Protein backbone atom coordinates (compact mmCIF):
# COMPACT_ATOMS: atom_id res chain seq x y z
CA MET A 1 83.68 184.22 251.26
CA ILE A 2 85.11 181.72 253.52
CA ARG A 3 88.59 181.33 251.69
CA HIS A 4 88.91 185.15 251.75
CA ARG A 5 88.25 185.29 255.32
CA TYR A 6 90.71 182.53 256.42
CA ILE A 7 93.44 184.60 253.82
CA SER A 8 93.25 188.03 254.22
CA GLY A 9 89.98 188.83 256.55
CA LEU A 10 89.87 189.63 260.19
CA THR A 11 90.38 186.48 261.40
CA ALA A 12 93.31 186.10 259.51
CA ARG A 13 94.69 189.04 260.85
CA THR A 14 93.63 188.31 264.28
CA VAL A 15 95.50 184.90 263.95
CA GLY A 16 98.78 186.65 262.57
CA ILE A 17 98.59 189.21 265.51
CA THR A 18 98.25 186.33 267.96
CA PHE A 19 101.13 184.34 266.20
CA LEU A 20 103.63 187.07 266.43
CA VAL A 21 102.95 187.49 270.39
CA ALA A 22 103.10 183.67 270.68
CA VAL A 23 106.36 183.40 268.84
CA THR A 24 107.40 186.23 270.62
CA VAL A 25 107.01 184.68 274.33
CA ILE A 26 108.23 181.50 273.04
CA GLY A 27 111.18 182.72 271.62
CA ALA A 28 111.96 184.62 275.10
CA THR A 29 111.18 181.52 277.04
CA LEU A 30 113.32 179.05 274.82
CA LEU A 31 116.07 181.96 274.97
CA THR A 32 116.09 181.78 278.91
CA ASN A 33 115.64 177.80 278.99
CA VAL A 34 119.09 177.90 276.78
CA THR A 35 121.10 180.39 278.44
CA LEU A 36 119.91 179.06 281.89
CA LYS A 37 121.47 175.45 280.45
CA ARG A 38 124.44 177.14 279.36
CA MET A 39 125.01 178.91 282.84
CA HIS A 40 124.09 175.45 284.65
CA LEU A 41 126.89 173.80 282.47
CA THR A 42 129.39 176.45 282.74
CA ILE A 43 129.00 176.65 286.64
CA GLU A 44 129.03 172.84 286.81
CA ALA A 45 132.13 172.72 284.74
CA MET A 46 134.04 175.12 287.22
CA THR A 47 132.47 173.39 290.30
CA ASP A 48 133.37 169.98 289.09
CA SER A 49 136.66 170.39 287.26
CA ASP A 50 138.08 173.71 287.46
CA MET A 51 137.49 174.03 291.14
CA GLU A 52 138.77 170.51 291.99
CA ASN A 53 141.60 171.03 289.93
CA LEU A 54 142.35 174.02 291.94
CA MET A 55 141.91 172.41 295.00
CA THR A 56 144.28 169.37 293.79
CA SER A 57 147.01 171.71 293.10
CA VAL A 58 146.61 173.64 296.15
CA ARG A 59 147.11 170.38 298.17
CA LEU A 60 150.15 169.56 295.90
CA VAL A 61 151.76 172.69 296.91
CA GLN A 62 151.01 171.90 300.69
CA GLN A 63 152.66 168.36 300.14
CA SER A 64 155.32 169.65 298.15
CA GLU A 65 156.21 172.31 300.64
CA SER A 66 155.97 169.61 303.68
CA LEU A 67 158.40 167.32 301.68
CA ILE A 68 161.19 170.06 302.19
CA ALA A 69 160.82 170.14 306.05
CA LEU A 70 160.49 166.38 306.34
CA ASP A 71 164.22 166.16 304.12
CA LEU A 72 165.60 168.64 306.49
CA ILE A 73 163.99 166.70 309.33
CA LEU A 74 165.54 163.57 308.17
CA SER A 75 168.86 165.16 307.25
CA GLY A 76 169.03 166.29 310.84
CA ALA A 77 167.74 163.50 312.67
CA ASP A 78 170.17 162.30 315.52
CA THR A 79 168.18 158.88 316.44
CA HIS A 80 166.89 156.18 314.49
CA THR A 81 163.57 156.93 315.61
CA GLN A 82 163.52 160.24 314.49
CA ARG A 83 164.86 158.92 311.00
CA ARG A 84 162.10 156.03 311.22
CA THR A 85 159.23 158.53 311.76
CA ALA A 86 160.55 161.22 309.13
CA LEU A 87 161.14 158.20 306.62
CA ILE A 88 157.49 156.97 307.20
CA GLU A 89 156.07 160.61 306.56
CA LEU A 90 158.12 161.15 303.71
CA ASN A 91 157.04 158.14 301.93
CA ASP A 92 153.35 159.12 303.29
CA ARG A 93 153.72 162.53 301.06
CA ILE A 94 155.33 161.16 298.51
CA ASP A 95 152.72 158.50 298.05
CA TRP A 96 149.71 161.43 298.02
CA ILE A 97 151.86 163.44 295.74
CA ASP A 98 151.67 160.31 293.62
CA GLN A 99 147.98 160.23 293.52
CA LEU A 100 147.15 164.12 293.50
CA THR A 101 149.34 164.07 290.34
CA GLY A 102 147.60 161.46 288.82
CA THR A 103 144.59 163.33 289.23
CA LEU A 104 145.87 166.17 287.06
CA LEU A 105 147.18 163.69 284.30
CA LYS A 106 143.82 162.64 283.90
CA LEU A 107 143.03 166.26 282.72
CA PRO A 108 141.25 166.58 279.06
CA GLN A 109 143.99 169.12 278.40
CA GLN A 110 147.50 168.12 279.51
CA ASN A 111 149.40 171.18 279.06
CA GLU A 112 153.21 171.48 279.34
CA VAL A 113 153.00 172.58 283.29
CA VAL A 114 151.41 168.96 284.04
CA LEU A 115 153.89 167.32 281.88
CA ARG A 116 156.35 169.28 284.12
CA ILE A 117 154.94 168.60 287.14
CA ASP A 118 154.26 165.00 286.30
CA SER A 119 158.18 164.64 285.34
CA THR A 120 159.31 166.55 288.72
CA GLN A 121 157.14 164.52 290.94
CA LYS A 122 159.04 161.38 289.23
CA GLN A 123 162.32 162.35 289.80
CA LEU A 124 161.46 163.20 293.31
CA SER A 125 159.92 159.91 293.43
CA ASP A 126 162.96 158.47 292.52
CA SER A 127 165.28 160.40 294.71
CA VAL A 128 162.89 159.66 297.76
CA GLN A 129 163.08 156.16 297.28
CA LEU A 130 166.95 156.07 296.79
CA LEU A 131 167.11 158.38 299.93
CA ASN A 132 164.67 155.73 301.67
CA LYS A 133 167.24 152.85 300.58
CA LEU A 134 170.10 154.82 302.24
CA VAL A 135 168.81 155.84 305.20
CA ARG A 136 167.15 152.17 305.92
CA LYS A 137 170.75 151.26 305.32
CA ARG A 138 172.12 153.47 307.67
CA ILE A 139 169.65 152.55 310.55
CA ASP A 140 170.32 149.07 309.80
CA GLY A 141 174.16 149.64 310.25
CA THR A 142 174.99 148.61 306.56
CA ALA A 143 175.44 151.89 305.23
CA SER A 144 178.94 152.61 303.94
CA THR A 145 180.84 155.74 304.34
CA ARG A 146 179.96 156.78 300.66
CA ASP A 147 176.12 155.80 301.40
CA LEU A 148 176.38 158.02 304.38
CA ALA A 149 177.99 161.11 302.13
CA GLN A 150 175.36 160.47 299.76
CA ILE A 151 172.49 161.04 302.16
CA PRO A 152 172.66 164.69 302.76
CA ALA A 153 173.22 165.33 298.75
CA LEU A 154 169.91 163.64 298.03
CA SER A 155 168.31 165.40 300.79
CA ALA A 156 169.26 168.77 299.15
CA THR A 157 168.22 167.34 295.79
CA ASN A 158 164.97 166.44 297.10
CA GLN A 159 164.50 169.91 298.45
CA GLU A 160 165.23 171.44 295.28
CA LEU A 161 162.99 169.08 293.29
CA ALA A 162 160.37 169.74 296.20
CA GLY A 163 160.76 173.59 295.66
CA ARG A 164 160.69 173.37 291.98
CA LEU A 165 157.37 171.09 292.13
CA SER A 166 155.94 173.52 294.58
CA VAL A 167 156.76 176.50 292.36
CA MET A 168 155.02 174.95 288.75
CA LEU A 169 151.87 173.68 291.03
CA GLY A 170 151.69 177.39 292.14
CA TYR A 171 152.05 178.36 288.70
CA PHE A 172 149.31 175.64 287.86
CA ALA A 173 147.16 177.04 290.51
CA ALA A 174 147.41 180.22 289.31
CA ASN A 175 146.41 179.42 285.91
CA MET A 176 143.65 177.45 287.16
CA ARG A 177 142.29 180.72 289.18
CA GLN A 178 142.96 182.77 285.95
CA GLN A 179 140.70 180.37 284.06
CA MET A 180 138.27 180.03 286.63
CA THR A 181 138.31 184.03 286.42
CA LYS A 182 138.18 184.12 282.66
CA ARG A 183 135.05 181.48 282.76
CA SER A 184 133.41 183.83 285.66
CA THR A 185 133.81 186.88 283.13
CA GLN A 186 132.11 184.70 280.35
CA LEU A 187 129.55 183.61 282.53
CA GLU A 188 128.66 187.56 283.79
CA GLU A 189 128.97 188.39 279.91
CA GLU A 190 126.75 185.57 279.05
CA ILE A 191 124.15 186.86 281.66
CA ASN A 192 124.54 190.41 280.39
CA ARG A 193 123.98 188.96 276.92
CA HIS A 194 120.77 186.89 278.17
CA GLN A 195 119.53 190.23 280.19
CA LEU A 196 119.72 192.48 276.90
CA ASN A 197 118.13 189.88 275.00
CA LEU A 198 115.28 189.46 277.27
CA ILE A 199 115.09 193.09 277.23
CA MET A 200 114.84 193.37 273.86
CA LEU A 201 112.50 190.36 273.63
CA THR A 202 110.21 192.01 276.40
CA GLY A 203 110.43 195.37 274.38
CA LEU A 204 109.08 193.47 271.25
CA LEU A 205 106.48 191.64 273.22
CA LEU A 206 105.28 194.96 274.50
CA LEU A 207 105.41 196.37 271.05
CA SER A 208 103.74 193.46 269.58
CA THR A 209 101.22 193.69 272.26
CA LEU A 210 100.53 197.84 271.71
CA LEU A 211 100.49 197.30 268.07
CA ALA A 212 97.67 194.49 268.69
CA GLY A 213 95.88 196.80 270.56
CA PHE A 214 96.26 199.61 268.11
CA TYR A 215 95.17 197.29 265.59
CA PHE A 216 92.01 196.32 267.42
CA GLU A 217 91.06 199.96 268.27
CA PHE A 218 91.45 201.03 264.52
CA ALA A 219 90.43 198.17 262.58
CA VAL A 220 87.99 196.62 265.02
CA VAL A 221 86.48 198.90 267.51
CA ARG A 222 86.26 202.15 265.58
CA ARG A 223 85.08 200.74 262.66
CA ILE A 224 82.30 199.28 264.66
CA LEU A 225 81.54 202.47 266.45
CA HIS A 226 81.33 203.95 263.31
CA VAL A 227 78.75 201.62 262.23
CA GLN A 228 76.69 201.90 265.51
CA ARG A 229 76.76 205.62 265.43
CA ALA A 230 75.63 205.76 261.59
CA VAL A 231 72.79 203.57 262.59
CA SER A 232 71.76 205.61 265.63
CA GLN A 233 71.36 208.77 263.82
CA PRO A 234 67.85 209.91 263.50
CA ALA A 235 68.40 210.23 259.89
CA ILE A 236 70.27 207.20 258.72
CA SER A 237 72.38 207.30 255.28
CA PRO A 238 73.23 203.88 253.97
CA ASP A 239 76.51 205.19 252.62
CA GLN A 240 77.61 206.63 256.19
CA ILE A 241 77.22 203.20 257.56
CA ARG A 242 80.01 201.56 254.95
CA VAL A 243 83.51 201.27 256.22
CA SER A 244 86.52 200.81 254.29
CA GLY A 245 88.16 197.06 254.04
CA VAL A 246 87.36 194.01 252.85
CA ASP A 247 86.79 192.23 255.82
CA GLU A 248 84.33 190.76 257.80
CA ILE A 249 83.56 194.14 259.71
CA ALA A 250 83.28 195.63 256.21
CA GLN A 251 81.16 193.13 254.66
CA LEU A 252 79.01 193.30 258.02
CA ALA A 253 78.79 197.43 257.30
CA THR A 254 77.73 196.93 253.84
CA THR A 255 74.98 194.35 254.71
CA VAL A 256 73.65 196.70 257.53
CA GLY A 257 73.89 199.48 254.73
CA THR A 258 71.93 197.20 252.32
CA TYR A 259 69.18 196.46 254.93
CA VAL A 260 68.73 200.06 255.79
CA ALA A 261 68.35 200.76 252.23
CA ARG A 262 65.99 198.29 251.75
CA ILE A 263 64.15 199.30 254.85
CA GLN A 264 64.33 203.10 253.81
CA ALA A 265 62.88 202.00 250.44
CA GLN A 266 60.02 199.94 251.98
CA GLU A 267 59.38 202.74 254.46
CA ALA A 268 59.41 205.27 251.55
CA GLN A 269 56.72 203.11 249.76
CA MET A 270 54.84 202.98 252.87
CA ARG A 271 54.66 206.54 253.26
CA LYS A 272 53.75 206.85 249.61
CA ILE A 273 50.70 204.80 250.16
CA HIS A 274 49.86 206.13 253.49
CA ASP A 275 49.96 209.66 251.82
CA GLU A 276 47.93 208.45 248.52
CA LEU A 277 45.34 206.97 251.27
CA ALA A 278 45.50 209.73 253.20
CA TYR A 279 44.77 212.07 249.95
CA LEU A 280 41.93 209.43 248.79
CA ALA A 281 40.32 209.82 252.39
CA GLU A 282 39.95 213.78 251.96
CA HIS A 283 39.67 214.12 248.15
CA ASP A 284 37.41 213.19 245.68
CA SER A 285 38.95 210.45 243.47
CA LEU A 286 37.22 211.88 240.17
CA THR A 287 37.60 215.54 240.27
CA GLY A 288 40.60 215.71 242.76
CA LEU A 289 38.74 218.10 244.64
CA ALA A 290 38.46 217.79 248.71
CA ASN A 291 35.49 215.58 250.10
CA ARG A 292 33.41 216.40 252.92
CA ARG A 293 36.12 215.31 255.64
CA HIS A 294 38.61 217.73 254.23
CA LEU A 295 36.01 220.38 253.87
CA TYR A 296 34.85 220.02 257.55
CA ALA A 297 38.45 220.13 258.86
CA ALA A 298 39.74 223.32 256.75
CA ALA A 299 36.70 225.27 257.14
CA ARG A 300 36.91 224.66 261.24
CA ARG A 301 40.37 226.27 260.72
CA MET A 302 39.65 229.27 258.74
CA ILE A 303 36.20 230.14 260.39
CA ALA A 304 38.42 229.83 263.90
CA GLN A 305 41.48 231.87 262.62
CA SER A 306 39.81 234.19 260.08
CA LEU A 307 39.67 238.15 261.13
CA GLN A 308 36.91 238.11 257.85
CA PRO A 309 33.44 237.03 257.39
CA VAL A 310 33.55 233.71 256.03
CA CYS A 311 31.33 232.41 252.98
CA VAL A 312 29.93 229.19 252.97
CA ALA A 313 28.08 228.16 249.68
CA ILE A 314 26.69 225.22 248.19
CA GLY A 315 26.62 224.83 244.32
CA ASP A 316 24.84 222.23 242.35
CA ILE A 317 24.92 221.40 238.67
CA ASP A 318 21.02 222.32 237.06
CA TYR A 319 19.63 219.59 235.23
CA PHE A 320 22.52 217.12 235.56
CA LYS A 321 20.57 214.01 235.37
CA VAL A 322 19.46 215.03 231.99
CA VAL A 323 23.22 215.06 231.06
CA ASN A 324 23.74 211.23 232.32
CA ASP A 325 20.70 210.33 230.65
CA ARG A 326 21.22 211.80 227.16
CA TYR A 327 25.15 211.30 226.91
CA GLY A 328 25.62 208.55 229.64
CA HIS A 329 27.69 208.55 233.00
CA ALA A 330 30.91 208.62 231.25
CA ALA A 331 29.85 212.08 229.96
CA GLY A 332 28.39 213.15 233.05
CA ASP A 333 32.04 212.58 235.03
CA ARG A 334 33.77 214.34 232.13
CA VAL A 335 31.20 217.25 232.97
CA LEU A 336 31.95 216.81 236.77
CA ILE A 337 35.50 217.30 236.08
CA HIS A 338 34.82 220.43 233.80
CA ILE A 339 33.01 222.23 236.55
CA ALA A 340 35.49 221.04 239.45
CA GLU A 341 37.89 222.68 236.92
CA GLN A 342 35.62 225.96 235.94
CA LEU A 343 35.56 226.33 240.07
CA ARG A 344 38.94 225.89 240.96
CA ASN A 345 40.21 228.33 238.40
CA GLY A 346 37.81 230.91 239.79
CA LEU A 347 38.69 230.72 243.29
CA ARG A 348 42.01 232.00 245.37
CA GLU A 349 44.43 229.88 246.66
CA THR A 350 43.34 230.46 250.18
CA ASP A 351 39.82 229.41 249.39
CA ILE A 352 38.37 226.03 249.91
CA LEU A 353 36.65 223.69 247.44
CA ALA A 354 35.21 220.86 247.75
CA ARG A 355 32.85 218.28 246.33
CA TYR A 356 29.79 217.57 248.83
CA GLY A 357 27.98 215.03 246.95
CA GLY A 358 27.31 214.04 243.63
CA GLU A 359 26.85 216.88 241.45
CA GLU A 360 27.07 219.33 244.37
CA PHE A 361 29.90 221.52 245.43
CA ALA A 362 31.03 223.33 248.53
CA LEU A 363 32.95 226.42 248.50
CA VAL A 364 34.17 228.23 251.83
CA LEU A 365 36.00 231.69 251.51
CA ALA A 366 36.76 234.50 253.59
CA VAL A 367 35.36 237.93 251.92
CA ARG A 368 35.37 241.40 253.37
CA THR A 369 31.38 241.90 253.00
CA HIS A 370 28.23 239.98 252.14
CA GLU A 371 28.42 241.95 248.59
CA ALA A 372 31.76 241.24 248.00
CA ALA A 373 30.69 237.10 248.76
CA GLU A 374 27.78 237.45 246.22
CA THR A 375 29.95 238.82 243.58
CA LEU A 376 32.64 236.45 243.65
CA ILE A 377 29.99 233.38 243.57
CA ASN A 378 28.15 235.34 240.56
CA ASP A 379 31.48 235.54 238.68
CA ILE A 380 32.01 232.22 239.45
CA ALA A 381 28.74 231.18 238.22
CA ASP A 382 29.13 233.04 235.32
CA ARG A 383 32.48 231.18 234.28
CA VAL A 384 30.53 227.95 234.55
CA ARG A 385 27.69 229.55 232.22
CA HIS A 386 30.05 230.60 229.76
CA SER A 387 32.26 227.46 229.34
CA SER A 388 31.43 223.84 227.88
CA ALA A 389 32.60 220.60 228.60
CA ALA A 390 34.47 218.45 225.39
CA LEU A 391 32.93 214.80 225.44
CA GLU A 392 34.90 211.93 224.17
CA SER A 393 33.00 212.04 220.72
CA GLY A 394 33.88 215.62 220.55
CA GLU A 395 30.45 216.97 221.19
CA GLN A 396 30.20 220.29 223.52
CA VAL A 397 28.06 220.38 226.59
CA ASN A 398 26.96 223.58 228.50
CA VAL A 399 25.61 223.68 231.74
CA THR A 400 24.90 225.98 234.55
CA MET A 401 24.76 225.83 238.44
CA SER A 402 22.80 227.45 241.16
CA PHE A 403 24.32 228.21 244.23
CA GLY A 404 23.14 229.07 247.90
CA PHE A 405 25.39 230.88 250.02
CA SER A 406 25.64 231.94 253.78
CA VAL A 407 27.84 234.67 255.62
CA ILE A 408 29.34 234.06 259.25
CA ASP A 409 30.39 237.15 260.76
CA ALA A 410 33.72 237.21 262.43
CA SER A 411 32.45 238.93 265.43
CA THR A 412 30.03 235.64 266.26
CA VAL A 413 33.35 233.26 266.36
CA GLY A 414 35.55 235.16 268.97
CA GLU A 415 37.23 232.77 271.42
CA ALA A 416 35.02 229.98 270.41
CA GLU A 417 36.04 226.23 271.32
CA GLU A 418 36.15 223.70 268.52
CA GLN A 419 32.61 222.30 268.88
CA GLU A 420 31.18 225.75 268.60
CA VAL A 421 32.68 226.62 265.33
CA GLN A 422 31.70 223.15 263.94
CA MET A 423 28.18 224.33 265.08
CA LEU A 424 28.62 227.77 263.47
CA LEU A 425 29.79 225.72 260.07
CA ASN A 426 26.90 223.12 260.15
CA GLN A 427 24.43 226.15 260.39
CA ALA A 428 25.95 228.04 257.68
CA LEU A 429 26.06 224.76 255.51
CA ASN A 430 22.32 224.13 256.39
CA ARG A 431 21.38 228.03 255.49
CA ALA A 432 23.57 227.55 252.36
CA ASP A 433 21.76 224.37 251.50
CA ASP A 434 18.05 226.03 252.17
CA ALA A 435 19.13 229.09 249.89
CA LEU A 436 20.15 226.34 247.17
CA TYR A 437 16.65 224.71 247.42
CA HIS A 438 15.05 228.06 246.72
CA ALA A 439 17.00 228.96 244.05
CA LYS A 440 15.99 225.59 242.05
CA GLU A 441 12.74 226.56 243.03
CA ARG A 442 13.19 229.62 241.35
CA GLY A 443 14.48 228.41 238.10
CA ARG A 444 17.95 227.40 238.99
CA ASN A 445 20.94 229.29 237.45
CA ARG A 446 20.93 231.89 240.05
CA VAL A 447 22.86 232.89 243.24
CA ILE A 448 20.50 233.12 246.66
CA LEU A 449 22.05 234.63 249.80
CA ALA A 450 20.49 232.66 252.77
CA SER A 451 19.61 235.61 254.98
CA LEU A 452 17.40 236.92 251.79
CA THR A 453 15.44 233.87 250.98
CA THR A 454 12.53 234.99 253.43
CA ASP A 455 12.20 238.21 251.70
CA ALA A 456 12.52 236.24 248.65
CA GLU A 457 15.59 238.48 247.48
CA GLU A 458 17.43 236.37 244.70
CA ALA A 459 20.78 237.62 242.83
CA GLU A 460 20.44 236.44 239.07
CA SER A 461 23.60 235.83 236.97
CA CYS A 462 24.05 238.00 234.19
C-alpha cells in the first residue's frame, strides 16, 4: 500500500507536478542568469577592449594628423627657435605614437592593418629621427649643403608617411566601430532570444500551473465533492460513493463505501429487530394474532373512522381446561393455533382479531345491523364447531366456543375524542364479556348479544 502510494498514488502525482513547476522556474532562473552573464561579458569586452582600441585609434589619427602640421612648421621655420620648438613637439608626437602603436600591437588578434600601421609607424619614426639629426646640424651650423637639401625631402616623406598612417588608422577605427556595431547587434539578438525564451518558459510555467490547477480540480476536488454529495444524500448507496482510480481518494471512497454498507447492514438488522420487537409487542407469539395492545389501538381507529355500527365480540373455548388436562399443554397450544386459524379464515381483511387472554379471543368488525353481526359470529362459531384440531399423535380434537358480543352505534361516536372512543370500547368489551359469562351459564356453545342478556334471549348455533 505504501509503495503504491509513493509510485502511482496522489502523492506521487503531486510530487511530479510540483517537480515540473519547480524545474520550469529553475530553468527560467538559470537561463536568465547565463544570459545576463554573457551580456555582462560582452559589454565588458566592448568597454575594456573594443572601446579602448577605438579610442587608441582615434588618438593615433589625431597624432598622425598633427605630424603633418609639425612637418610643415619645421620645414617652413625661419628661426632656430621655431625649429627647436617644432622639433621638440615632433619628437613628443613620435614618442606618443610609439606608445599608442605598442598598445595596438598587444591585441590578441593582430590583423594585417595593425601590422601595416606598425610598419608605417616605424618608417615614420626612422624618418623623423633622421630629420631630427639634420635639423640639429642646421641649428648647430654644421649641416652641409646636401644635408640642407635633404631636410625638405624628409619632411615631404614624413608628411606622406603621416598621411598614410592617418588613413590606415582611420580604416582601423572604422573596423573597430564596425566590430562594436556587430557585437551590439549580437547582444541585441541575444537579448531578443532571451526574451523569447523567457516568454516561452513563462508560458510553460503558466501552462504547468493551469494543468496543475485542472488536475487538482478534476483529480482531487471534484472527486472529494462527489464523495461528499453521495454521503449527503438522504438515501446513501455505497456504489454511488465509489470513484474511479487507484489513488488515496479512491481508496478513501472505497473505505467510506464499505463503512456505509456496513452501517446500512447494521441499520437494516436493527430495523428488522425493531420490527420483530414491535410485532412481538403487539402480537401473540403462539398464534400470531394481535394482542390486547394492538386490539385497543386498531379498535379505536375503526370506531372513530367507521360510518357503520361496530361489533365487539369475545369468544372463549369451551372446556379448554379439559383439553389441557387430558392431552397436555402442547396439545392445548395446537388447539389454540387451530382455533386462531378458523377464526382468521372466517373474517374479512378489515376485521380485527386478537388473542384476548388464555383461551379467549376478541373480534372487532364493522357491520350494517345487529342481525348481520349475530349472523357473522354464528358462522364463525359454526366453523369452529365443525372443525377438528390434529394433535402430534394424529388424534383429532373437536372443541366449541361461546361468544358474547355487543354493538356500538355509529351515531354515538360522532366527533368523539380519543378518550371518549376508548371509553366506548371499554364499555362494549365489558358488555361482551358479560354476555360471554351468560353464554357459559346457559350451557356454552352459543352466541349471546349483550343487549338481550337481561331478557335471557340467546342465539344458539345450529
